[in-house]
């Protein structure tokens, strides 16, 4: 049972790292989050 929860935690941490990396890539680009959201809402 412990191994299963550990695997779930590892997967969650991996997802969090992916999200952080994506946010870092977005922040490198000059587009602001607000402008990005407005763009996606228009489509």
PDB file of N, CA and C in Angstrom:
ATOM      1  N   UNK A   1       0.834  -1.197   0.000  1.00  0.00           N
ATOM      2  CA  UNK A   1       0.000   0.000   0.000  1.00  0.00           C
ATOM      3  C   UNK A   1       0.873   1.253   0.000  1.00  0.00           C
ATOM      4  N   UNK A   2       1.960   1.204   0.802  1.00  0.00           N
ATOM      5  CA  UNK A   2       2.842   2.380   0.897  1.00  0.00           C
ATOM      6  C   UNK A   2       3.470   2.701  -0.460  1.00  0.00           C
ATOM      7  N   UNK A   3       3.885   1.666  -1.174  1.00  0.00           N
ATOM      8  CA  UNK A   3       4.509   1.871  -2.480  1.00  0.00           C
ATOM      9  C   UNK A   3       3.545   2.582  -3.425  1.00  0.00           C
ATOM     10  N   UNK A   4       2.277   2.179  -3.364  1.00  0.00           N
ATOM     11  CA  UNK A   4       1.278   2.774  -4.248  1.00  0.00           C
ATOM     12  C   UNK A   4       1.142   4.273  -3.985  1.00  0.00           C
ATOM     13  N   UNK A   5       1.065   4.663  -2.714  1.00  0.00           N
ATOM     14  CA  UNK A   5       0.920   6.090  -2.397  1.00  0.00           C
ATOM     15  C   UNK A   5       2.184   6.844  -2.786  1.00  0.00           C
ATOM     16  N   UNK A   6       3.343   6.215  -2.624  1.00  0.00           N
ATOM     17  CA  UNK A   6       4.599   6.852  -3.032  1.00  0.00           C
ATOM     18  C   UNK A   6       4.588   7.122  -4.536  1.00  0.00           C
ATOM     19  N   UNK A   7       4.124   6.147  -5.312  1.00  0.00           N
ATOM     20  CA  UNK A   7       4.065   6.326  -6.761  1.00  0.00           C
ATOM     21  C   UNK A   7       3.111   7.450  -7.127  1.00  0.00           C
ATOM     22  N   UNK A   8       1.988   7.531  -6.411  1.00  0.00           N
ATOM     23  CA  UNK A   8       1.034   8.602  -6.679  1.00  0.00           C
ATOM     24  C   UNK A   8       1.666   9.956  -6.381  1.00  0.00           C
ATOM     25  N   UNK A   9       2.402  10.042  -5.277  1.00  0.00           N
ATOM     26  CA  UNK A   9       3.060  11.296  -4.914  1.00  0.00           C
ATOM     27  C   UNK A   9       4.104  11.675  -5.951  1.00  0.00           C
ATOM     28  N   UNK A  10       4.880  10.694  -6.395  1.00  0.00           N
ATOM     29  CA  UNK A  10       5.915  10.958  -7.404  1.00  0.00           C
ATOM     30  C   UNK A  10       5.268  11.497  -8.674  1.00  0.00           C
ATOM     31  N   UNK A  11       4.128  10.914  -9.048  1.00  0.00           N
ATOM     32  CA  UNK A  11       3.434  11.353 -10.255  1.00  0.00           C
ATOM     33  C   UNK A  11       2.926  12.783 -10.084  1.00  0.00           C
ATOM     34  N   UNK A  12       2.401  13.102  -8.889  1.00  0.00           N
ATOM     35  CA  UNK A  12       1.914  14.456  -8.622  1.00  0.00           C
ATOM     36  C   UNK A  12       3.057  15.448  -8.674  1.00  0.00           C
ATOM     37  N   UNK A  13       4.194  15.086  -8.092  1.00  0.00           N
ATOM     38  CA  UNK A  13       5.362  15.970  -8.110  1.00  0.00           C
ATOM     39  C   UNK A  13       5.821  16.184  -9.546  1.00  0.00           C
ATOM     40  N   UNK A  14       5.799  15.129 -10.339  1.00  0.00           N
ATOM     41  CA  UNK A  14       6.189  15.242 -11.743  1.00  0.00           C
ATOM     42  C   UNK A  14       5.276  16.196 -12.487  1.00  0.00           C
ATOM     43  N   UNK A  15       3.973  16.095 -12.226  1.00  0.00           N
ATOM     44  CA  UNK A  15       3.012  16.997 -12.851  1.00  0.00           C
ATOM     45  C   UNK A  15       3.292  18.437 -12.436  1.00  0.00           C
ATOM     46  N   UNK A  16       3.554  18.649 -11.145  1.00  0.00           N
ATOM     47  CA  UNK A  16       3.839  19.999 -10.643  1.00  0.00           C
ATOM     48  C   UNK A  16       5.079  20.561 -11.330  1.00  0.00           C
ATOM     49  N   UNK A  17       6.092  19.717 -11.515  1.00  0.00           N
ATOM     50  CA  UNK A  17       7.316  20.163 -12.182  1.00  0.00           C
ATOM     51  C   UNK A  17       7.042  20.527 -13.633  1.00  0.00           C
ATOM     52  N   UNK A  18       6.193  19.740 -14.301  1.00  0.00           N
ATOM     53  CA  UNK A  18       5.831  20.045 -15.695  1.00  0.00           C
ATOM     54  C   UNK A  18       5.141  21.398 -15.781  1.00  0.00           C
ATOM     55  N   UNK A  19       4.208  21.629 -14.857  1.00  0.00           N
ATOM     56  CA  UNK A  19       3.460  22.894 -14.847  1.00  0.00           C
ATOM     57  C   UNK A  19       4.407  24.059 -14.601  1.00  0.00           C
ATOM     58  N   UNK A  20       5.327  23.892 -13.641  1.00  0.00           N
ATOM     59  CA  UNK A  20       6.293  24.950 -13.347  1.00  0.00           C
ATOM     60  C   UNK A  20       7.166  25.239 -14.559  1.00  0.00           C
ATOM     61  N   UNK A  21       7.591  24.188 -15.260  1.00  0.00           N
ATOM     62  CA  UNK A  21       8.424  24.375 -16.446  1.00  0.00           C
ATOM     63  C   UNK A  21       7.646  25.119 -17.529  1.00  0.00           C
ATOM     64  N   UNK A  22       6.380  24.762 -17.703  1.00  0.00           N
ATOM     65  CA  UNK A  22       5.545  25.435 -18.699  1.00  0.00           C
ATOM     66  C   UNK A  22       5.368  26.910 -18.344  1.00  0.00           C
ATOM     67  N   UNK A  23       5.153  27.187 -17.061  1.00  0.00           N
ATOM     68  CA  UNK A  23       4.995  28.576 -16.623  1.00  0.00           C
ATOM     69  C   UNK A  23       6.287  29.347 -16.847  1.00  0.00           C
ATOM     70  N   UNK A  24       7.419  28.692 -16.610  1.00  0.00           N
ATOM     71  CA  UNK A  24       8.709  29.348 -16.813  1.00  0.00           C
ATOM     72  C   UNK A  24       8.882  29.701 -18.288  1.00  0.00           C
ATOM     73  N   UNK A  25       8.498  28.776 -19.180  1.00  0.00           N
ATOM     74  CA  UNK A  25       8.595  29.045 -20.619  1.00  0.00           C
ATOM     75  C   UNK A  25       7.703  30.214 -21.000  1.00  0.00           C
ATOM     76  N   UNK A  26       6.493  30.243 -20.427  1.00  0.00           N
ATOM     77  CA  UNK A  26       5.563  31.334 -20.718  1.00  0.00           C
ATOM     78  C   UNK A  26       6.123  32.667 -20.239  1.00  0.00           C
ATOM     79  N   UNK A  27       6.732  32.668 -19.052  1.00  0.00           N
ATOM     80  CA  UNK A  27       7.233  33.920 -18.484  1.00  0.00           C
ATOM     81  C   UNK A  27       8.436  34.435 -19.267  1.00  0.00           C
ATOM     82  N   UNK A  28       9.115  33.554 -19.994  1.00  0.00           N
ATOM     83  CA  UNK A  28      10.242  33.990 -20.821  1.00  0.00           C
ATOM     84  C   UNK A  28       9.724  34.817 -21.996  1.00  0.00           C
ATOM     85  N   UNK A  29       8.571  34.424 -22.525  1.00  0.00           N
ATOM     86  CA  UNK A  29       7.977  35.154 -23.641  1.00  0.00           C
ATOM     87  C   UNK A  29       7.403  36.480 -23.139  1.00  0.00           C
ATOM     88  N   UNK A  30       7.429  37.512 -23.993  1.00  0.00           N
ATOM     89  CA  UNK A  30       6.971  38.839 -23.575  1.00  0.00           C
ATOM     90  C   UNK A  30       5.472  38.921 -23.286  1.00  0.00           C
ATOM     91  N   UNK A  31       4.715  37.964 -23.806  1.00  0.00           N
ATOM     92  CA  UNK A  31       3.257  38.003 -23.611  1.00  0.00           C
ATOM     93  C   UNK A  31       2.924  37.836 -22.125  1.00  0.00           C
ATOM     94  N   UNK A  32       2.014  38.651 -21.637  1.00  0.00           N
ATOM     95  CA  UNK A  32       1.603  38.541 -20.242  1.00  0.00           C
ATOM     96  C   UNK A  32       0.504  37.502 -20.117  1.00  0.00           C
ATOM     97  N   UNK A  33       0.303  37.022 -18.908  1.00  0.00           N
ATOM     98  CA  UNK A  33      -0.722  36.007 -18.682  1.00  0.00           C
ATOM     99  C   UNK A  33      -2.099  36.549 -19.040  1.00  0.00           C
ATOM    100  N   UNK A  34      -2.343  37.809 -18.705  1.00  0.00           N
ATOM    101  CA  UNK A  34      -3.645  38.419 -18.997  1.00  0.00           C
ATOM    102  C   UNK A  34      -3.888  38.456 -20.509  1.00  0.00           C
ATOM    103  N   UNK A  35      -2.883  38.877 -21.262  1.00  0.00           N
ATOM    104  CA  UNK A  35      -3.011  38.940 -22.716  1.00  0.00           C
ATOM    105  C   UNK A  35      -3.238  37.534 -23.278  1.00  0.00           C
ATOM    106  N   UNK A  36      -2.541  36.556 -22.700  1.00  0.00           N
ATOM    107  CA  UNK A  36      -2.688  35.173 -23.144  1.00  0.00           C
ATOM    108  C   UNK A  36      -4.118  34.680 -22.906  1.00  0.00           C
ATOM    109  N   UNK A  37      -4.658  34.996 -21.731  1.00  0.00           N
ATOM    110  CA  UNK A  37      -6.023  34.582 -21.411  1.00  0.00           C
ATOM    111  C   UNK A  37      -7.025  35.261 -22.331  1.00  0.00           C
ATOM    112  N   UNK A  38      -6.813  36.533 -22.629  1.00  0.00           N
ATOM    113  CA  UNK A  38      -7.707  37.249 -23.537  1.00  0.00           C
ATOM    114  C   UNK A  38      -7.665  36.605 -24.922  1.00  0.00           C
ATOM    115  N   UNK A  39      -6.473  36.232 -25.364  1.00  0.00           N
ATOM    116  CA  UNK A  39      -6.315  35.576 -26.667  1.00  0.00           C
ATOM    117  C   UNK A  39      -7.113  34.277 -26.719  1.00  0.00           C
ATOM    118  N   UNK A  40      -6.990  33.456 -25.670  1.00  0.00           N
ATOM    119  CA  UNK A  40      -7.664  32.161 -25.672  1.00  0.00           C
ATOM    120  C   UNK A  40      -9.171  32.327 -25.555  1.00  0.00           C
ATOM    121  N   UNK A  41      -9.622  33.388 -24.887  1.00  0.00           N
ATOM    122  CA  UNK A  41     -11.062  33.620 -24.751  1.00  0.00           C
ATOM    123  C   UNK A  41     -11.688  34.054 -26.068  1.00  0.00           C
ATOM    124  N   UNK A  42     -10.912  34.724 -26.920  1.00  0.00           N
ATOM    125  CA  UNK A  42     -11.433  35.209 -28.201  1.00  0.00           C
ATOM    126  C   UNK A  42     -11.703  34.067 -29.166  1.00  0.00           C
ATOM    127  N   UNK A  43     -10.913  33.022 -29.078  1.00  0.00           N
ATOM    128  CA  UNK A  43     -11.049  31.909 -30.021  1.00  0.00           C
ATOM    129  C   UNK A  43     -12.365  31.165 -29.831  1.00  0.00           C
TER     130      UNK A  43
END
